[in-house]
Amino acid sequence: MSLIKGAFWIGVVILLLPSDERKQAELYGKAASAVSWAATFCDRNGETCAKSADVWQVFKQKAEFGARMAFDLVQRGVSSIEPVSAPSAGQVPYDGRAQPASDRGTLAPDDLRNQWRAPLAKPRV
């Protein structure tokens, strides 16, 4: 799909290119000056480039730290996962029914009550 999108946009760009030789030369000159202007940005704005280089270094350090941390967490997580075993004789597997009040933690009965319920559908006659 992205190949089709890319071909579409390349086709649009080609259709927008001028066919007159004078306009082609003018467009070529403007494109060359834009590339030259972008390439010499740091020559004209040395302080900005120095600050952006510092920001880029901090960004790279943070990205490396994040990647290293994610890798370590994945490595520890994979090695610390214990296989799930069948319940032992003292454990009862969860069957989907409500738990006794003693197993509900700190919730009060009012917390467990439904706040709203949809009205019952009226039978069609």
PDB file of N, CA and C in Angstrom:
ATOM      1  N   MET A   1       0.822  -1.185   0.000  1.00  0.00           N
ATOM      2  CA  MET A   1       0.000   0.000   0.000  1.00  0.00           C
ATOM      3  C   MET A   1       0.868   1.251   0.000  1.00  0.00           C
ATOM      4  N   SER A   2       1.953   1.229   0.781  1.00  0.00           N
ATOM      5  CA  SER A   2       2.821   2.402   0.818  1.00  0.00           C
ATOM      6  C   SER A   2       3.531   2.600  -0.516  1.00  0.00           C
ATOM      7  N   LEU A   3       3.745   1.532  -1.253  1.00  0.00           N
ATOM      8  CA  LEU A   3       4.347   1.649  -2.575  1.00  0.00           C
ATOM      9  C   LEU A   3       3.422   2.407  -3.512  1.00  0.00           C
ATOM     10  N   ILE A   4       2.138   2.132  -3.410  1.00  0.00           N
ATOM     11  CA  ILE A   4       1.157   2.827  -4.249  1.00  0.00           C
ATOM     12  C   ILE A   4       1.090   4.296  -3.858  1.00  0.00           C
ATOM     13  N   LYS A   5       1.102   4.580  -2.554  1.00  0.00           N
ATOM     14  CA  LYS A   5       1.073   5.962  -2.098  1.00  0.00           C
ATOM     15  C   LYS A   5       2.313   6.718  -2.577  1.00  0.00           C
ATOM     16  N   GLY A   6       3.462   6.075  -2.450  1.00  0.00           N
ATOM     17  CA  GLY A   6       4.697   6.714  -2.901  1.00  0.00           C
ATOM     18  C   GLY A   6       4.673   7.000  -4.392  1.00  0.00           C
ATOM     19  N   ALA A   7       4.210   6.043  -5.169  1.00  0.00           N
ATOM     20  CA  ALA A   7       4.118   6.246  -6.621  1.00  0.00           C
ATOM     21  C   ALA A   7       3.146   7.379  -6.937  1.00  0.00           C
ATOM     22  N   PHE A   8       2.048   7.464  -6.196  1.00  0.00           N
ATOM     23  CA  PHE A   8       1.073   8.540  -6.421  1.00  0.00           C
ATOM     24  C   PHE A   8       1.722   9.897  -6.201  1.00  0.00           C
ATOM     25  N   TRP A   9       2.416  10.071  -5.061  1.00  0.00           N
ATOM     26  CA  TRP A   9       2.997  11.376  -4.746  1.00  0.00           C
ATOM     27  C   TRP A   9       4.147  11.731  -5.685  1.00  0.00           C
ATOM     28  N   ILE A  10       4.903  10.746  -6.108  1.00  0.00           N
ATOM     29  CA  ILE A  10       5.953  11.018  -7.100  1.00  0.00           C
ATOM     30  C   ILE A  10       5.312  11.474  -8.401  1.00  0.00           C
ATOM     31  N   GLY A  11       4.212  10.835  -8.779  1.00  0.00           N
ATOM     32  CA  GLY A  11       3.495  11.247  -9.987  1.00  0.00           C
ATOM     33  C   GLY A  11       2.968  12.664  -9.875  1.00  0.00           C
ATOM     34  N   VAL A  12       2.453  13.041  -8.700  1.00  0.00           N
ATOM     35  CA  VAL A  12       1.957  14.406  -8.497  1.00  0.00           C
ATOM     36  C   VAL A  12       3.097  15.407  -8.640  1.00  0.00           C
ATOM     37  N   VAL A  13       4.241  15.105  -8.050  1.00  0.00           N
ATOM     38  CA  VAL A  13       5.391  16.010  -8.148  1.00  0.00           C
ATOM     39  C   VAL A  13       5.832  16.150  -9.600  1.00  0.00           C
ATOM     40  N   ILE A  14       5.882  15.052 -10.333  1.00  0.00           N
ATOM     41  CA  ILE A  14       6.299  15.104 -11.737  1.00  0.00           C
ATOM     42  C   ILE A  14       5.306  15.930 -12.558  1.00  0.00           C
ATOM     43  N   LEU A  15       4.018  15.783 -12.265  1.00  0.00           N
ATOM     44  CA  LEU A  15       3.022  16.565 -12.995  1.00  0.00           C
ATOM     45  C   LEU A  15       3.142  18.057 -12.716  1.00  0.00           C
ATOM     46  N   LEU A  16       3.602  18.413 -11.526  1.00  0.00           N
ATOM     47  CA  LEU A  16       3.731  19.830 -11.175  1.00  0.00           C
ATOM     48  C   LEU A  16       5.011  20.474 -11.691  1.00  0.00           C
ATOM     49  N   LEU A  17       5.946  19.668 -12.185  1.00  0.00           N
ATOM     50  CA  LEU A  17       7.181  20.236 -12.732  1.00  0.00           C
ATOM     51  C   LEU A  17       6.874  20.981 -14.035  1.00  0.00           C
ATOM     52  N   PRO A  18       7.567  22.109 -14.236  1.00  0.00           N
ATOM     53  CA  PRO A  18       7.300  22.876 -15.461  1.00  0.00           C
ATOM     54  C   PRO A  18       7.852  22.163 -16.698  1.00  0.00           C
ATOM     55  N   SER A  19       7.207  22.423 -17.829  1.00  0.00           N
ATOM     56  CA  SER A  19       7.670  21.826 -19.088  1.00  0.00           C
ATOM     57  C   SER A  19       8.439  22.835 -19.935  1.00  0.00           C
ATOM     58  N   ASP A  20       8.312  24.128 -19.656  1.00  0.00           N
ATOM     59  CA  ASP A  20       9.031  25.173 -20.381  1.00  0.00           C
ATOM     60  C   ASP A  20      10.486  25.200 -19.905  1.00  0.00           C
ATOM     61  N   GLU A  21      11.445  25.268 -20.867  1.00  0.00           N
ATOM     62  CA  GLU A  21      12.872  25.215 -20.497  1.00  0.00           C
ATOM     63  C   GLU A  21      13.283  26.396 -19.644  1.00  0.00           C
ATOM     64  N   ARG A  22      12.740  27.591 -19.889  1.00  0.00           N
ATOM     65  CA  ARG A  22      13.091  28.772 -19.098  1.00  0.00           C
ATOM     66  C   ARG A  22      12.632  28.591 -17.648  1.00  0.00           C
ATOM     67  N   LYS A  23      11.414  28.072 -17.467  1.00  0.00           N
ATOM     68  CA  LYS A  23      10.907  27.844 -16.118  1.00  0.00           C
ATOM     69  C   LYS A  23      11.643  26.700 -15.431  1.00  0.00           C
ATOM     70  N   GLN A  24      12.078  25.709 -16.196  1.00  0.00           N
ATOM     71  CA  GLN A  24      12.871  24.618 -15.622  1.00  0.00           C
ATOM     72  C   GLN A  24      14.197  25.149 -15.096  1.00  0.00           C
ATOM     73  N   ALA A  25      14.855  26.030 -15.870  1.00  0.00           N
ATOM     74  CA  ALA A  25      16.127  26.608 -15.437  1.00  0.00           C
ATOM     75  C   ALA A  25      15.927  27.468 -14.194  1.00  0.00           C
ATOM     76  N   GLU A  26      14.827  28.218 -14.151  1.00  0.00           N
ATOM     77  CA  GLU A  26      14.535  29.058 -12.992  1.00  0.00           C
ATOM     78  C   GLU A  26      14.293  28.197 -11.746  1.00  0.00           C
ATOM     79  N   LEU A  27      13.538  27.120 -11.905  1.00  0.00           N
ATOM     80  CA  LEU A  27      13.280  26.206 -10.787  1.00  0.00           C
ATOM     81  C   LEU A  27      14.575  25.545 -10.324  1.00  0.00           C
ATOM     82  N   TYR A  28      15.416  25.141 -11.263  1.00  0.00           N
ATOM     83  CA  TYR A  28      16.693  24.512 -10.911  1.00  0.00           C
ATOM     84  C   TYR A  28      17.564  25.485 -10.120  1.00  0.00           C
ATOM     85  N   GLY A  29      17.622  26.733 -10.538  1.00  0.00           N
ATOM     86  CA  GLY A  29      18.412  27.745  -9.831  1.00  0.00           C
ATOM     87  C   GLY A  29      17.893  27.971  -8.418  1.00  0.00           C
ATOM     88  N   LYS A  30      16.556  28.034  -8.267  1.00  0.00           N
ATOM     89  CA  LYS A  30      15.987  28.224  -6.936  1.00  0.00           C
ATOM     90  C   LYS A  30      16.259  27.018  -6.034  1.00  0.00           C
ATOM     91  N   ALA A  31      16.170  25.815  -6.597  1.00  0.00           N
ATOM     92  CA  ALA A  31      16.438  24.620  -5.803  1.00  0.00           C
ATOM     93  C   ALA A  31      17.904  24.572  -5.376  1.00  0.00           C
ATOM     94  N   ALA A  32      18.813  24.941  -6.276  1.00  0.00           N
ATOM     95  CA  ALA A  32      20.240  24.940  -5.941  1.00  0.00           C
ATOM     96  C   ALA A  32      20.539  25.967  -4.861  1.00  0.00           C
ATOM     97  N   SER A  33      19.918  27.144  -4.945  1.00  0.00           N
ATOM     98  CA  SER A  33      20.172  28.156  -3.906  1.00  0.00           C
ATOM     99  C   SER A  33      19.578  27.725  -2.560  1.00  0.00           C
ATOM    100  N   ALA A  34      18.454  27.034  -2.575  1.00  0.00           N
ATOM    101  CA  ALA A  34      17.868  26.551  -1.323  1.00  0.00           C
ATOM    102  C   ALA A  34      18.771  25.507  -0.672  1.00  0.00           C
ATOM    103  N   VAL A  35      19.324  24.614  -1.471  1.00  0.00           N
ATOM    104  CA  VAL A  35      20.240  23.602  -0.930  1.00  0.00           C
ATOM    105  C   VAL A  35      21.490  24.278  -0.384  1.00  0.00           C
ATOM    106  N   SER A  36      22.023  25.258  -1.098  1.00  0.00           N
ATOM    107  CA  SER A  36      23.211  25.978  -0.644  1.00  0.00           C
ATOM    108  C   SER A  36      22.915  26.730   0.654  1.00  0.00           C
ATOM    109  N   TRP A  37      21.744  27.366   0.739  1.00  0.00           N
ATOM    110  CA  TRP A  37      21.365  28.112   1.934  1.00  0.00           C
ATOM    111  C   TRP A  37      21.251  27.174   3.132  1.00  0.00           C
ATOM    112  N   ALA A  38      20.660  25.981   2.933  1.00  0.00           N
ATOM    113  CA  ALA A  38      20.520  25.019   4.029  1.00  0.00           C
ATOM    114  C   ALA A  38      21.884  24.450   4.442  1.00  0.00           C
ATOM    115  N   ALA A  39      22.771  24.239   3.470  1.00  0.00           N
ATOM    116  CA  ALA A  39      24.079  23.657   3.767  1.00  0.00           C
ATOM    117  C   ALA A  39      24.979  24.625   4.525  1.00  0.00           C
ATOM    118  N   THR A  40      24.778  25.918   4.346  1.00  0.00           N
ATOM    119  CA  THR A  40      25.627  26.910   5.020  1.00  0.00           C
ATOM    120  C   THR A  40      24.946  27.536   6.234  1.00  0.00           C
ATOM    121  N   PHE A  41      23.925  26.906   6.767  1.00  0.00           N
ATOM    122  CA  PHE A  41      23.200  27.449   7.920  1.00  0.00           C
ATOM    123  C   PHE A  41      24.120  27.623   9.117  1.00  0.00           C
ATOM    124  N   CYS A  42      24.953  26.626   9.403  1.00  0.00           N
ATOM    125  CA  CYS A  42      25.837  26.704  10.569  1.00  0.00           C
ATOM    126  C   CYS A  42      26.920  27.761  10.392  1.00  0.00           C
ATOM    127  N   ASP A  43      27.303  28.058   9.149  1.00  0.00           N
ATOM    128  CA  ASP A  43      28.281  29.124   8.927  1.00  0.00           C
ATOM    129  C   ASP A  43      27.680  30.473   9.302  1.00  0.00           C
ATOM    130  N   ARG A  44      26.394  30.650   9.048  1.00  0.00           N
ATOM    131  CA  ARG A  44      25.728  31.915   9.338  1.00  0.00           C
ATOM    132  C   ARG A  44      25.233  31.991  10.770  1.00  0.00           C
ATOM    133  N   ASN A  45      24.937  30.854  11.397  1.00  0.00           N
ATOM    134  CA  ASN A  45      24.366  30.821  12.741  1.00  0.00           C
ATOM    135  C   ASN A  45      25.145  29.845  13.619  1.00  0.00           C
ATOM    136  N   GLY A  46      26.371  30.183  13.922  1.00  0.00           N
ATOM    137  CA  GLY A  46      27.243  29.291  14.680  1.00  0.00           C
ATOM    138  C   GLY A  46      26.740  28.988  16.075  1.00  0.00           C
ATOM    139  N   GLU A  47      26.215  29.997  16.761  1.00  0.00           N
ATOM    140  CA  GLU A  47      25.746  29.806  18.134  1.00  0.00           C
ATOM    141  C   GLU A  47      24.540  28.859  18.174  1.00  0.00           C
ATOM    142  N   THR A  48      23.652  29.025  17.232  1.00  0.00           N
ATOM    143  CA  THR A  48      22.477  28.148  17.175  1.00  0.00           C
ATOM    144  C   THR A  48      22.892  26.707  16.921  1.00  0.00           C
ATOM    145  N   CYS A  49      23.828  26.504  16.023  1.00  0.00           N
ATOM    146  CA  CYS A  49      24.292  25.143  15.738  1.00  0.00           C
ATOM    147  C   CYS A  49      25.001  24.528  16.941  1.00  0.00           C
ATOM    148  N   ALA A  50      25.763  25.330  17.677  1.00  0.00           N
ATOM    149  CA  ALA A  50      26.445  24.807  18.858  1.00  0.00           C
ATOM    150  C   ALA A  50      25.426  24.369  19.916  1.00  0.00           C
ATOM    151  N   LYS A  51      24.392  25.186  20.126  1.00  0.00           N
ATOM    152  CA  LYS A  51      23.362  24.825  21.098  1.00  0.00           C
ATOM    153  C   LYS A  51      22.596  23.589  20.647  1.00  0.00           C
ATOM    154  N   SER A  52      22.289  23.519  19.359  1.00  0.00           N
ATOM    155  CA  SER A  52      21.549  22.350  18.869  1.00  0.00           C
ATOM    156  C   SER A  52      22.398  21.083  18.951  1.00  0.00           C
ATOM    157  N   ALA A  53      23.710  21.205  18.794  1.00  0.00           N
ATOM    158  CA  ALA A  53      24.580  20.040  18.946  1.00  0.00           C
ATOM    159  C   ALA A  53      24.557  19.547  20.391  1.00  0.00           C
ATOM    160  N   ASP A  54      24.534  20.486  21.344  1.00  0.00           N
ATOM    161  CA  ASP A  54      24.439  20.097  22.759  1.00  0.00           C
ATOM    162  C   ASP A  54      23.110  19.412  23.051  1.00  0.00           C
ATOM    163  N   VAL A  55      22.039  19.962  22.512  1.00  0.00           N
ATOM    164  CA  VAL A  55      20.710  19.367  22.712  1.00  0.00           C
ATOM    165  C   VAL A  55      20.672  17.974  22.093  1.00  0.00           C
ATOM    166  N   TRP A  56      21.274  17.816  20.921  1.00  0.00           N
ATOM    167  CA  TRP A  56      21.302  16.515  20.264  1.00  0.00           C
ATOM    168  C   TRP A  56      22.075  15.495  21.091  1.00  0.00           C
ATOM    169  N   GLN A  57      23.172  15.898  21.721  1.00  0.00           N
ATOM    170  CA  GLN A  57      23.950  14.996  22.574  1.00  0.00           C
ATOM    171  C   GLN A  57      23.116  14.524  23.766  1.00  0.00           C
ATOM    172  N   VAL A  58      22.397  15.447  24.407  1.00  0.00           N
ATOM    173  CA  VAL A  58      21.549  15.081  25.545  1.00  0.00           C
ATOM    174  C   VAL A  58      20.453  14.128  25.080  1.00  0.00           C
ATOM    175  N   PHE A  59      19.859  14.413  23.924  1.00  0.00           N
ATOM    176  CA  PHE A  59      18.808  13.545  23.382  1.00  0.00           C
ATOM    177  C   PHE A  59      19.342  12.143  23.129  1.00  0.00           C
ATOM    178  N   LYS A  60      20.532  12.037  22.547  1.00  0.00           N
ATOM    179  CA  LYS A  60      21.121  10.719  22.287  1.00  0.00           C
ATOM    180  C   LYS A  60      21.395   9.971  23.584  1.00  0.00           C
ATOM    181  N   GLN A  61      21.906  10.676  24.600  1.00  0.00           N
ATOM    182  CA  GLN A  61      22.175  10.032  25.888  1.00  0.00           C
ATOM    183  C   GLN A  61      20.892   9.506  26.517  1.00  0.00           C
ATOM    184  N   LYS A  62      19.816  10.304  26.444  1.00  0.00           N
ATOM    185  CA  LYS A  62      18.541   9.873  27.008  1.00  0.00           C
ATOM    186  C   LYS A  62      17.977   8.688  26.231  1.00  0.00           C
ATOM    187  N   ALA A  63      18.120   8.715  24.919  1.00  0.00           N
ATOM    188  CA  ALA A  63      17.624   7.608  24.102  1.00  0.00           C
ATOM    189  C   ALA A  63      18.394   6.321  24.402  1.00  0.00           C
ATOM    190  N   GLU A  64      19.707   6.424  24.554  1.00  0.00           N
ATOM    191  CA  GLU A  64      20.512   5.253  24.886  1.00  0.00           C
ATOM    192  C   GLU A  64      20.138   4.715  26.263  1.00  0.00           C
ATOM    193  N   PHE A  65      19.931   5.610  27.231  1.00  0.00           N
ATOM    194  CA  PHE A  65      19.529   5.189  28.571  1.00  0.00           C
ATOM    195  C   PHE A  65      18.178   4.478  28.526  1.00  0.00           C
ATOM    196  N   GLY A  66      17.216   5.065  27.809  1.00  0.00           N
ATOM    197  CA  GLY A  66      15.891   4.453  27.706  1.00  0.00           C
ATOM    198  C   GLY A  66      15.945   3.083  27.058  1.00  0.00           C
ATOM    199  N   ALA A  67      16.733   2.955  25.995  1.00  0.00           N
ATOM    200  CA  ALA A  67      16.853   1.665  25.319  1.00  0.00           C
ATOM    201  C   ALA A  67      17.523   0.635  26.226  1.00  0.00           C
ATOM    202  N   ARG A  68      18.557   1.056  26.936  1.00  0.00           N
ATOM    203  CA  ARG A  68      19.258   0.148  27.849  1.00  0.00           C
ATOM    204  C   ARG A  68      18.327  -0.288  28.980  1.00  0.00           C
ATOM    205  N   MET A  69      17.540   0.664  29.521  1.00  0.00           N
ATOM    206  CA  MET A  69      16.623   0.341  30.602  1.00  0.00           C
ATOM    207  C   MET A  69      15.544  -0.629  30.120  1.00  0.00           C
ATOM    208  N   ALA A  70      14.987  -0.379  28.932  1.00  0.00           N
ATOM    209  CA  ALA A  70      13.960  -1.272  28.392  1.00  0.00           C
ATOM    210  C   ALA A  70      14.530  -2.664  28.163  1.00  0.00           C
ATOM    211  N   PHE A  71      15.742  -2.741  27.641  1.00  0.00           N
ATOM    212  CA  PHE A  71      16.386  -4.028  27.400  1.00  0.00           C
ATOM    213  C   PHE A  71      16.595  -4.774  28.709  1.00  0.00           C
ATOM    214  N   ASP A  72      17.081  -4.067  29.744  1.00  0.00           N
ATOM    215  CA  ASP A  72      17.299  -4.700  31.043  1.00  0.00           C
ATOM    216  C   ASP A  72      15.990  -5.183  31.652  1.00  0.00           C
ATOM    217  N   LEU A  73      14.932  -4.369  31.548  1.00  0.00           N
ATOM    218  CA  LEU A  73      13.639  -4.775  32.105  1.00  0.00           C
ATOM    219  C   LEU A  73      13.089  -5.995  31.391  1.00  0.00           C
ATOM    220  N   VAL A  74      13.250  -6.038  30.081  1.00  0.00           N
ATOM    221  CA  VAL A  74      12.776  -7.194  29.329  1.00  0.00           C
ATOM    222  C   VAL A  74      13.583  -8.434  29.719  1.00  0.00           C
ATOM    223  N   GLN A  75      14.889  -8.279  29.850  1.00  0.00           N
ATOM    224  CA  GLN A  75      15.728  -9.416  30.225  1.00  0.00           C
ATOM    225  C   GLN A  75      15.367  -9.930  31.614  1.00  0.00           C
ATOM    226  N   ARG A  76      15.187  -9.011  32.582  1.00  0.00           N
ATOM    227  CA  ARG A  76      14.817  -9.425  33.932  1.00  0.00           C
ATOM    228  C   ARG A  76      13.417  -9.998  33.966  1.00  0.00           C
ATOM    229  N   GLY A  77      12.509  -9.379  33.223  1.00  0.00           N
ATOM    230  CA  GLY A  77      11.122  -9.839  33.216  1.00  0.00           C
ATOM    231  C   GLY A  77      10.990 -11.222  32.631  1.00  0.00           C
ATOM    232  N   VAL A  78      11.704 -11.513  31.566  1.00  0.00           N
ATOM    233  CA  VAL A  78      11.619 -12.824  30.930  1.00  0.00           C
ATOM    234  C   VAL A  78      12.214 -13.886  31.836  1.00  0.00           C
ATOM    235  N   SER A  79      13.290 -13.566  32.522  1.00  0.00           N
ATOM    236  CA  SER A  79      13.935 -14.573  33.365  1.00  0.00           C
ATOM    237  C   SER A  79      13.200 -14.771  34.687  1.00  0.00           C
ATOM    238  N   SER A  80      12.390 -13.768  35.134  1.00  0.00           N
ATOM    239  CA  SER A  80      11.728 -13.910  36.429  1.00  0.00           C
ATOM    240  C   SER A  80      10.302 -14.421  36.318  1.00  0.00           C
ATOM    241  N   ILE A  81       9.809 -14.664  35.130  1.00  0.00           N
ATOM    242  CA  ILE A  81       8.452 -15.182  34.973  1.00  0.00           C
ATOM    243  C   ILE A  81       8.436 -16.646  35.396  1.00  0.00           C
ATOM    244  N   GLU A  82       7.510 -16.941  36.309  1.00  0.00           N
ATOM    245  CA  GLU A  82       7.389 -18.316  36.769  1.00  0.00           C
ATOM    246  C   GLU A  82       6.275 -19.001  36.006  1.00  0.00           C
ATOM    247  N   PRO A  83       6.439 -20.253  35.681  1.00  0.00           N
ATOM    248  CA  PRO A  83       5.376 -20.938  34.966  1.00  0.00           C
ATOM    249  C   PRO A  83       4.138 -21.086  35.841  1.00  0.00           C
ATOM    250  N   VAL A  84       2.971 -21.018  35.221  1.00  0.00           N
ATOM    251  CA  VAL A  84       1.711 -21.167  35.943  1.00  0.00           C
ATOM    252  C   VAL A  84       1.467 -22.643  36.166  1.00  0.00           C
ATOM    253  N   SER A  85       1.180 -22.971  37.409  1.00  0.00           N
ATOM    254  CA  SER A  85       0.954 -24.378  37.735  1.00  0.00           C
ATOM    255  C   SER A  85      -0.496 -24.583  38.135  1.00  0.00           C
ATOM    256  N   ALA A  86      -0.894 -25.810  38.195  1.00  0.00           N
ATOM    257  CA  ALA A  86      -2.252 -26.149  38.637  1.00  0.00           C
ATOM    258  C   ALA A  86      -2.388 -25.790  40.103  1.00  0.00           C
ATOM    259  N   PRO A  87      -3.594 -25.432  40.558  1.00  0.00           N
ATOM    260  CA  PRO A  87      -3.762 -25.069  41.966  1.00  0.00           C
ATOM    261  C   PRO A  87      -3.447 -26.245  42.876  1.00  0.00           C
ATOM    262  N   SER A  88      -2.844 -25.910  44.011  1.00  0.00           N
ATOM    263  CA  SER A  88      -2.512 -26.964  44.970  1.00  0.00           C
ATOM    264  C   SER A  88      -3.772 -27.381  45.711  1.00  0.00           C
ATOM    265  N   ALA A  89      -3.636 -28.328  46.614  1.00  0.00           N
ATOM    266  CA  ALA A  89      -4.796 -28.876  47.327  1.00  0.00           C
ATOM    267  C   ALA A  89      -5.503 -27.810  48.153  1.00  0.00           C
ATOM    268  N   GLY A  90      -4.777 -26.820  48.674  1.00  0.00           N
ATOM    269  CA  GLY A  90      -5.387 -25.798  49.514  1.00  0.00           C
ATOM    270  C   GLY A  90      -6.006 -24.658  48.721  1.00  0.00           C
ATOM    271  N   GLN A  91      -5.715 -24.550  47.432  1.00  0.00           N
ATOM    272  CA  GLN A  91      -6.219 -23.445  46.623  1.00  0.00           C
ATOM    273  C   GLN A  91      -7.431 -23.892  45.815  1.00  0.00           C
ATOM    274  N   VAL A  92      -8.357 -22.952  45.653  1.00  0.00           N
ATOM    275  CA  VAL A  92      -9.531 -23.222  44.835  1.00  0.00           C
ATOM    276  C   VAL A  92      -9.465 -22.299  43.625  1.00  0.00           C
ATOM    277  N   PRO A  93      -9.560 -22.829  42.417  1.00  0.00           N
ATOM    278  CA  PRO A  93      -9.488 -21.959  41.238  1.00  0.00           C
ATOM    279  C   PRO A  93     -10.698 -21.043  41.168  1.00  0.00           C
ATOM    280  N   TYR A  94     -10.509 -19.861  40.578  1.00  0.00           N
ATOM    281  CA  TYR A  94     -11.596 -18.881  40.438  1.00  0.00           C
ATOM    282  C   TYR A  94     -12.600 -19.401  39.434  1.00  0.00           C
ATOM    283  N   ASP A  95     -13.870 -19.437  39.842  1.00  0.00           N
ATOM    284  CA  ASP A  95     -14.903 -19.977  38.973  1.00  0.00           C
ATOM    285  C   ASP A  95     -15.827 -18.901  38.412  1.00  0.00           C
ATOM    286  N   GLY A  96     -15.545 -17.636  38.634  1.00  0.00           N
ATOM    287  CA  GLY A  96     -16.340 -16.555  38.083  1.00  0.00           C
ATOM    288  C   GLY A  96     -17.441 -16.065  39.001  1.00  0.00           C
ATOM    289  N   ARG A  97     -17.697 -16.748  40.094  1.00  0.00           N
ATOM    290  CA  ARG A  97     -18.725 -16.317  41.034  1.00  0.00           C
ATOM    291  C   ARG A  97     -18.156 -15.275  41.988  1.00  0.00           C
ATOM    292  N   ALA A  98     -19.054 -14.572  42.688  1.00  0.00           N
ATOM    293  CA  ALA A  98     -18.640 -13.533  43.629  1.00  0.00           C
ATOM    294  C   ALA A  98     -17.819 -14.137  44.753  1.00  0.00           C
ATOM    295  N   GLN A  99     -16.844 -13.375  45.210  1.00  0.00           N
ATOM    296  CA  GLN A  99     -15.995 -13.827  46.301  1.00  0.00           C
ATOM    297  C   GLN A  99     -16.684 -13.533  47.641  1.00  0.00           C
ATOM    298  N   PRO A 100     -16.336 -14.278  48.669  1.00  0.00           N
ATOM    299  CA  PRO A 100     -16.885 -13.962  49.990  1.00  0.00           C
ATOM    300  C   PRO A 100     -16.447 -12.569  50.425  1.00  0.00           C
ATOM    301  N   ALA A 101     -17.202 -11.945  51.340  1.00  0.00           N
ATOM    302  CA  ALA A 101     -16.923 -10.577  51.785  1.00  0.00           C
ATOM    303  C   ALA A 101     -15.523 -10.458  52.371  1.00  0.00           C
ATOM    304  N   SER A 102     -15.037 -11.512  52.981  1.00  0.00           N
ATOM    305  CA  SER A 102     -13.714 -11.447  53.603  1.00  0.00           C
ATOM    306  C   SER A 102     -12.601 -11.327  52.563  1.00  0.00           C
ATOM    307  N   ASP A 103     -12.864 -11.714  51.311  1.00  0.00           N
ATOM    308  CA  ASP A 103     -11.844 -11.662  50.264  1.00  0.00           C
ATOM    309  C   ASP A 103     -11.965 -10.421  49.392  1.00  0.00           C
ATOM    310  N   ARG A 104     -12.837  -9.502  49.734  1.00  0.00           N
ATOM    311  CA  ARG A 104     -13.049  -8.333  48.872  1.00  0.00           C
ATOM    312  C   ARG A 104     -12.160  -7.161  49.229  1.00  0.00           C
ATOM    313  N   GLY A 105     -11.276  -7.313  50.138  1.00  0.00           N
ATOM    314  CA  GLY A 105     -10.364  -6.239  50.485  1.00  0.00           C
ATOM    315  C   GLY A 105     -11.033  -5.177  51.328  1.00  0.00           C
ATOM    316  N   THR A 106     -10.810  -3.915  51.010  1.00  0.00           N
ATOM    317  CA  THR A 106     -11.306  -2.808  51.822  1.00  0.00           C
ATOM    318  C   THR A 106     -12.577  -2.194  51.276  1.00  0.00           C
ATOM    319  N   LEU A 107     -13.221  -2.781  50.278  1.00  0.00           N
ATOM    320  CA  LEU A 107     -14.444  -2.222  49.730  1.00  0.00           C
ATOM    321  C   LEU A 107     -15.618  -2.441  50.676  1.00  0.00           C
ATOM    322  N   ALA A 108     -16.387  -1.388  50.871  1.00  0.00           N
ATOM    323  CA  ALA A 108     -17.592  -1.465  51.690  1.00  0.00           C
ATOM    324  C   ALA A 108     -18.732  -1.998  50.826  1.00  0.00           C
ATOM    325  N   PRO A 109     -19.799  -2.509  51.433  1.00  0.00           N
ATOM    326  CA  PRO A 109     -20.931  -2.996  50.645  1.00  0.00           C
ATOM    327  C   PRO A 109     -21.498  -1.931  49.705  1.00  0.00           C
ATOM    328  N   ASP A 110     -21.510  -0.663  50.134  1.00  0.00           N
ATOM    329  CA  ASP A 110     -22.008   0.410  49.263  1.00  0.00           C
ATOM    330  C   ASP A 110     -21.120   0.585  48.026  1.00  0.00           C
ATOM    331  N   ASP A 111     -19.833   0.315  48.175  1.00  0.00           N
ATOM    332  CA  ASP A 111     -18.924   0.425  47.036  1.00  0.00           C
ATOM    333  C   ASP A 111     -19.201  -0.648  45.993  1.00  0.00           C
ATOM    334  N   LEU A 112     -19.687  -1.779  46.429  1.00  0.00           N
ATOM    335  CA  LEU A 112     -19.914  -2.901  45.532  1.00  0.00           C
ATOM    336  C   LEU A 112     -21.281  -2.856  44.859  1.00  0.00           C
ATOM    337  N   ARG A 113     -22.196  -2.034  45.359  1.00  0.00           N
ATOM    338  CA  ARG A 113     -23.541  -1.958  44.811  1.00  0.00           C
ATOM    339  C   ARG A 113     -23.506  -1.217  43.479  1.00  0.00           C
ATOM    340  N   ASN A 114     -24.281  -1.688  42.514  1.00  0.00           N
ATOM    341  CA  ASN A 114     -24.370  -1.011  41.219  1.00  0.00           C
ATOM    342  C   ASN A 114     -25.004   0.359  41.404  1.00  0.00           C
ATOM    343  N   GLN A 115     -24.410   1.370  40.770  1.00  0.00           N
ATOM    344  CA  GLN A 115     -24.933   2.721  40.876  1.00  0.00           C
ATOM    345  C   GLN A 115     -26.107   2.945  39.935  1.00  0.00           C
ATOM    346  N   TRP A 116     -26.098   2.315  38.788  1.00  0.00           N
ATOM    347  CA  TRP A 116     -27.133   2.545  37.791  1.00  0.00           C
ATOM    348  C   TRP A 116     -27.345   1.269  37.014  1.00  0.00           C
ATOM    349  N   ARG A 117     -28.561   1.035  36.656  1.00  0.00           N
ATOM    350  CA  ARG A 117     -28.870  -0.131  35.854  1.00  0.00           C
ATOM    351  C   ARG A 117     -29.858   0.298  34.787  1.00  0.00           C
ATOM    352  N   ALA A 118     -29.690  -0.183  33.580  1.00  0.00           N
ATOM    353  CA  ALA A 118     -30.586   0.178  32.482  1.00  0.00           C
ATOM    354  C   ALA A 118     -31.991  -0.320  32.779  1.00  0.00           C
ATOM    355  N   PRO A 119     -33.012   0.446  32.354  1.00  0.00           N
ATOM    356  CA  PRO A 119     -34.377  -0.006  32.592  1.00  0.00           C
ATOM    357  C   PRO A 119     -34.667  -1.277  31.805  1.00  0.00           C
ATOM    358  N   LEU A 120     -35.580  -2.073  32.333  1.00  0.00           N
ATOM    359  CA  LEU A 120     -35.948  -3.299  31.660  1.00  0.00           C
ATOM    360  C   LEU A 120     -36.688  -2.982  30.372  1.00  0.00           C
ATOM    361  N   ALA A 121     -36.448  -3.768  29.374  1.00  0.00           N
ATOM    362  CA  ALA A 121     -37.103  -3.551  28.085  1.00  0.00           C
ATOM    363  C   ALA A 121     -38.588  -3.890  28.214  1.00  0.00           C
ATOM    364  N   LYS A 122     -39.442  -3.061  27.623  1.00  0.00           N
ATOM    365  CA  LYS A 122     -40.876  -3.303  27.650  1.00  0.00           C
ATOM    366  C   LYS A 122     -41.213  -4.348  26.595  1.00  0.00           C
ATOM    367  N   PRO A 123     -42.028  -5.312  26.931  1.00  0.00           N
ATOM    368  CA  PRO A 123     -42.375  -6.327  25.940  1.00  0.00           C
ATOM    369  C   PRO A 123     -43.215  -5.738  24.814  1.00  0.00           C
ATOM    370  N   ARG A 124     -42.929  -6.179  23.611  1.00  0.00           N
ATOM    371  CA  ARG A 124     -43.691  -5.721  22.446  1.00  0.00           C
ATOM    372  C   ARG A 124     -44.986  -6.486  22.341  1.00  0.00           C
ATOM    373  N   VAL A 125     -46.031  -5.792  22.012  1.00  0.00           N
ATOM    374  CA  VAL A 125     -47.336  -6.447  21.905  1.00  0.00           C
ATOM    375  C   VAL A 125     -47.714  -6.652  20.463  1.00  0.00           C
TER     376      VAL A 125
END
